[in-house]
Protein backbone atom coordinates (compact mmCIF):
# COMPACT_ATOMS: atom_id res chain seq x y z
CA UNK A 1 -20.85 -46.33 46.11
CA UNK A 2 -20.92 -49.66 47.05
CA UNK A 3 -20.77 -52.42 44.19
CA UNK A 4 -20.30 -49.72 41.14
CA UNK A 5 -17.31 -49.98 39.11
CA UNK A 6 -15.55 -46.44 38.18
CA UNK A 7 -18.79 -44.77 39.66
CA UNK A 8 -16.67 -41.65 39.73
CA UNK A 9 -16.75 -41.17 35.76
CA UNK A 10 -20.16 -41.04 35.51
CA UNK A 11 -21.45 -37.11 36.04
CA UNK A 12 -24.69 -38.35 37.38
CA UNK A 13 -23.13 -40.94 40.05
CA UNK A 14 -24.70 -39.38 42.80
CA UNK A 15 -27.90 -40.40 41.23
CA UNK A 16 -27.44 -44.11 40.71
CA UNK A 17 -29.19 -46.70 42.57
CA UNK A 18 -27.46 -49.17 44.94
CA UNK A 19 -27.19 -52.82 44.13
CA UNK A 20 -29.97 -53.56 46.91
CA UNK A 21 -32.06 -51.15 44.81
CA UNK A 22 -31.68 -52.95 41.80
CA UNK A 23 -32.70 -56.30 43.25
CA UNK A 24 -35.56 -54.72 45.07
CA UNK A 25 -37.22 -53.30 41.66
CA UNK A 26 -36.48 -56.43 40.04
CA UNK A 27 -38.45 -58.47 42.90
CA UNK A 28 -41.48 -55.84 42.95
CA UNK A 29 -41.42 -56.38 39.26
CA UNK A 30 -44.02 -59.07 38.04
CA UNK A 31 -46.24 -59.57 35.02
CA UNK A 32 -49.51 -57.54 36.08
CA UNK A 33 -52.44 -59.15 35.23
CA UNK A 34 -55.01 -56.22 36.57
CA UNK A 35 -54.26 -52.52 35.98
CA UNK A 36 -55.65 -49.55 37.63
CA UNK A 37 -57.81 -47.94 34.79
CA UNK A 38 -57.73 -44.66 36.54
CA UNK A 39 -54.02 -44.40 36.73
CA UNK A 40 -51.95 -42.98 33.90
CA UNK A 41 -48.30 -42.86 33.32
CA UNK A 42 -47.24 -38.97 33.69
CA UNK A 43 -45.54 -37.56 30.70
CA UNK A 44 -41.97 -37.24 32.25
CA UNK A 45 -41.92 -40.86 32.93
CA UNK A 46 -43.27 -42.02 29.68
CA UNK A 47 -40.93 -40.04 27.71
CA UNK A 48 -38.09 -41.78 29.83
CA UNK A 49 -39.64 -45.07 28.75
CA UNK A 50 -39.61 -44.32 25.39
CA UNK A 51 -36.10 -43.33 25.60
CA UNK A 52 -35.45 -46.40 27.11
CA UNK A 53 -36.63 -48.22 23.79
CA UNK A 54 -34.67 -45.94 21.67
CA UNK A 55 -31.66 -46.52 23.56
CA UNK A 56 -31.97 -50.52 23.34
CA UNK A 57 -29.05 -52.49 22.26
CA UNK A 58 -29.28 -54.49 18.98
CA UNK A 59 -26.74 -56.94 17.08
CA UNK A 60 -24.55 -54.46 14.77
CA UNK A 61 -26.80 -51.64 16.02
CA UNK A 62 -29.42 -52.48 13.36
CA UNK A 63 -32.36 -51.54 15.05
CA UNK A 64 -34.64 -53.83 13.26
CA UNK A 65 -38.05 -52.26 15.09
CA UNK A 66 -40.63 -49.93 15.58
CA UNK A 67 -42.28 -49.26 18.63
CA UNK A 68 -46.19 -48.61 18.24
CA UNK A 69 -47.66 -47.01 21.21
CA UNK A 70 -51.56 -47.74 20.78
CA UNK A 71 -53.69 -45.24 22.82
CA UNK A 72 -56.82 -45.28 20.82
CA UNK A 73 -59.48 -46.61 23.13
CA UNK A 74 -61.47 -48.05 19.92
CA UNK A 75 -58.59 -49.65 18.51
CA UNK A 76 -57.52 -51.43 21.70
CA UNK A 77 -61.22 -52.79 21.77
CA UNK A 78 -60.79 -54.17 18.70
CA UNK A 79 -57.48 -55.84 19.50
CA UNK A 80 -58.77 -57.61 22.72
CA UNK A 81 -60.41 -60.48 21.28
CA UNK A 82 -57.45 -61.25 19.38
CA UNK A 83 -55.71 -61.37 22.59
CA UNK A 84 -57.37 -63.85 24.15
CA UNK A 85 -59.29 -61.17 25.61
CA UNK A 86 -57.05 -60.05 28.18
CA UNK A 87 -58.04 -57.06 30.18
CA UNK A 88 -54.41 -55.61 30.19
CA UNK A 89 -55.19 -54.71 26.61
CA UNK A 90 -57.66 -52.29 27.18
CA UNK A 91 -57.06 -51.04 30.81
CA UNK A 92 -53.44 -50.42 30.85
CA UNK A 93 -52.13 -46.91 30.69
CA UNK A 94 -50.09 -47.35 27.44
CA UNK A 95 -49.92 -50.39 25.30
CA UNK A 96 -46.92 -50.99 23.27
CA UNK A 97 -46.89 -53.22 20.32
CA UNK A 98 -43.59 -54.26 19.28
CA UNK A 99 -42.71 -54.65 15.52
CA UNK A 100 -40.04 -56.26 13.70
CA UNK A 101 -38.65 -55.51 10.29
CA UNK A 102 -39.76 -58.41 7.79
CA UNK A 103 -36.36 -58.67 6.44
CA UNK A 104 -32.85 -56.90 6.52
CA UNK A 105 -31.36 -55.90 3.05
CA UNK A 106 -28.70 -53.71 1.96
CA UNK A 107 -30.90 -50.94 2.21
CA UNK A 108 -31.06 -51.29 6.16
CA UNK A 109 -27.18 -51.86 6.43
CA UNK A 110 -26.75 -48.41 4.22
CA UNK A 111 -29.10 -46.57 6.64
CA UNK A 112 -27.23 -47.71 9.64
CA UNK A 113 -23.73 -46.86 7.97
CA UNK A 114 -25.13 -43.45 7.15
CA UNK A 115 -26.29 -42.80 10.54
CA UNK A 116 -22.90 -44.03 12.13
CA UNK A 117 -21.05 -41.66 9.93
CA UNK A 118 -22.99 -38.47 10.98
CA UNK A 119 -23.00 -39.67 14.78
CA UNK A 120 -19.44 -40.30 15.03
CA UNK A 121 -17.97 -37.81 12.21
CA UNK A 122 -16.13 -40.94 10.37
CA UNK A 123 -16.08 -40.68 6.68
CA UNK A 124 -18.35 -43.09 5.21
CA UNK A 125 -15.85 -44.91 2.99
CA UNK A 126 -14.17 -45.61 6.42
CA UNK A 127 -17.23 -48.08 7.40
CA UNK A 128 -16.75 -50.35 4.27
CA UNK A 129 -15.48 -53.08 6.37
CA UNK A 130 -18.52 -52.88 8.81
CA UNK A 131 -20.69 -53.04 5.43
CA UNK A 132 -18.76 -56.41 4.78
CA UNK A 133 -19.16 -57.87 8.02
CA UNK A 134 -22.75 -57.73 7.96
CA UNK A 135 -23.42 -58.62 4.59
CA UNK A 136 -21.06 -61.67 5.37
CA UNK A 137 -23.07 -62.51 8.43
CA UNK A 138 -26.66 -61.58 7.52
CA UNK A 139 -26.62 -61.57 3.47
CA UNK A 140 -24.16 -64.44 2.24
CA UNK A 141 -23.96 -66.44 5.36
CA UNK A 142 -25.97 -69.11 7.13
CA UNK A 143 -27.80 -66.54 9.02
CA UNK A 144 -29.35 -65.03 6.30
CA UNK A 145 -31.69 -68.12 6.23
CA UNK A 146 -32.86 -67.27 9.72
CA UNK A 147 -33.31 -63.52 9.70
CA UNK A 148 -36.68 -63.97 11.22
CA UNK A 149 -35.35 -65.45 14.35
CA UNK A 150 -32.33 -63.16 14.35
CA UNK A 151 -34.88 -60.01 14.19
CA UNK A 152 -37.32 -61.28 16.82
CA UNK A 153 -34.36 -61.75 19.13
CA UNK A 154 -33.60 -58.28 18.90
CA UNK A 155 -37.02 -57.06 19.49
CA UNK A 156 -36.82 -59.12 22.56
CA UNK A 157 -33.75 -57.25 24.18
CA UNK A 158 -35.87 -54.11 23.86
CA UNK A 159 -38.65 -55.63 25.53
CA UNK A 160 -36.27 -56.72 28.41
CA UNK A 161 -34.88 -53.14 28.28
CA UNK A 162 -38.01 -51.76 28.57
CA UNK A 163 -39.48 -53.88 31.17
CA UNK A 164 -36.43 -53.07 33.13
CA UNK A 165 -36.46 -49.66 32.94
CA UNK A 166 -40.47 -49.69 33.90
CA UNK A 167 -39.68 -51.40 37.05
CA UNK A 168 -36.80 -49.10 38.04
CA UNK A 169 -39.11 -46.15 37.99
CA UNK A 170 -42.00 -47.95 39.49
CA UNK A 171 -44.29 -48.90 36.17
CA UNK A 172 -45.67 -52.12 35.90
CA UNK A 173 -45.68 -53.76 32.99
CA UNK A 174 -46.96 -57.37 31.61
CA UNK A 175 -45.48 -58.86 28.52
CA UNK A 176 -47.87 -60.59 26.05
CA UNK A 177 -47.30 -63.24 23.68
CA UNK A 178 -51.14 -64.58 23.96
CA UNK A 179 -52.46 -62.57 20.85
CA UNK A 180 -52.82 -63.44 17.19
CA UNK A 181 -50.12 -61.61 15.09
CA UNK A 182 -52.08 -61.76 11.85
CA UNK A 183 -54.96 -60.06 13.18
CA UNK A 184 -52.73 -57.53 14.88
CA UNK A 185 -51.00 -56.79 11.68
CA UNK A 186 -54.66 -56.53 9.98
CA UNK A 187 -56.45 -54.04 12.56
CA UNK A 188 -52.94 -51.86 12.69
CA UNK A 189 -52.67 -52.06 8.96
CA UNK A 190 -49.28 -53.45 8.79
CA UNK A 191 -50.07 -55.83 6.16
CA UNK A 192 -47.75 -54.74 3.00
CA UNK A 193 -45.59 -52.75 5.28
CA UNK A 194 -41.94 -53.49 5.98
CA UNK A 195 -42.85 -54.41 9.58
CA UNK A 196 -45.13 -57.00 11.60
CA UNK A 197 -46.19 -57.74 14.98
CA UNK A 198 -43.38 -59.48 17.16
CA UNK A 199 -44.58 -59.06 20.86
CA UNK A 200 -46.86 -57.02 22.95
CA UNK A 201 -46.21 -55.27 26.56
CA UNK A 202 -48.61 -53.19 28.48
CA UNK A 203 -47.50 -50.46 31.00
CA UNK A 204 -49.03 -48.55 34.04
CA UNK A 205 -50.09 -49.45 37.31
CA UNK A 206 -51.37 -52.57 39.11
CA UNK A 207 -54.93 -52.30 40.47
CA UNK A 208 -55.26 -52.66 44.40
CA UNK A 209 -56.80 -55.90 43.96
CA UNK A 210 -54.72 -57.86 41.72
CA UNK A 211 -53.73 -60.78 44.13
CA UNK A 212 -50.63 -61.68 41.59
CA UNK A 213 -48.95 -58.50 42.98
CA UNK A 214 -48.58 -60.62 46.22
CA UNK A 215 -47.49 -63.84 45.30
CA UNK A 216 -44.02 -65.25 45.99
CA UNK A 217 -41.64 -65.09 43.03
CA UNK A 218 -40.97 -68.79 41.62
CA UNK A 219 -37.25 -68.97 40.82
CA UNK A 220 -34.69 -71.73 40.78
CA UNK A 221 -31.54 -71.11 43.01
CA UNK A 222 -28.95 -68.78 41.58
CA UNK A 223 -26.31 -72.04 42.27
CA UNK A 224 -28.48 -74.11 39.80
CA UNK A 225 -28.65 -71.34 36.93
CA UNK A 226 -25.59 -69.66 37.03
CA UNK A 227 -22.34 -71.80 36.55
CA UNK A 228 -18.49 -70.31 36.53
CA UNK A 229 -15.90 -71.90 34.67
């Protein structure tokens, strides 16, 4: 398949899209302003999107997040006034609130090491170097003073993975930063928990009358954005 390196190494290679398919999906995607309230994401598609969240990469593999899918209509209605009254909150098929851990401590690192040991069959004592690496960076190093920024950056990687995966499946999304995190934390009972609200994403299908769906994308030319050295 053109453009794919070592396609034969992938058992599902026959199902992989072409580079042109990828670009078409990315051009089709936009921040949906109006969702079709009567159309819902089917179960298999949503399960695949959930797995895209689970499979999202993160620095060190720490996964400092949780993904809260808010489907309760009353809860969504309560969140909407604290989301600049954006209709996507109540009208989308699935509303995902991306939560981030308030801190990273030794327990989080040990959890990752235990999971790595179990998944890869590596004795825990052989992972001591990885523990030391994480501690040197996130516990004792300069980045320990910027953990909130570090963990939030990881959540945005998951957001990007989710939105791209949705576009590849023909599902619309809208990332939302226009909300009051403290109110979300209160309404979703996150106060006093290890997690806080970071960003929100609505998912579903665009309404037929959403004028933004047909607007041209505004992007700077690749030659201005991409530099080779």
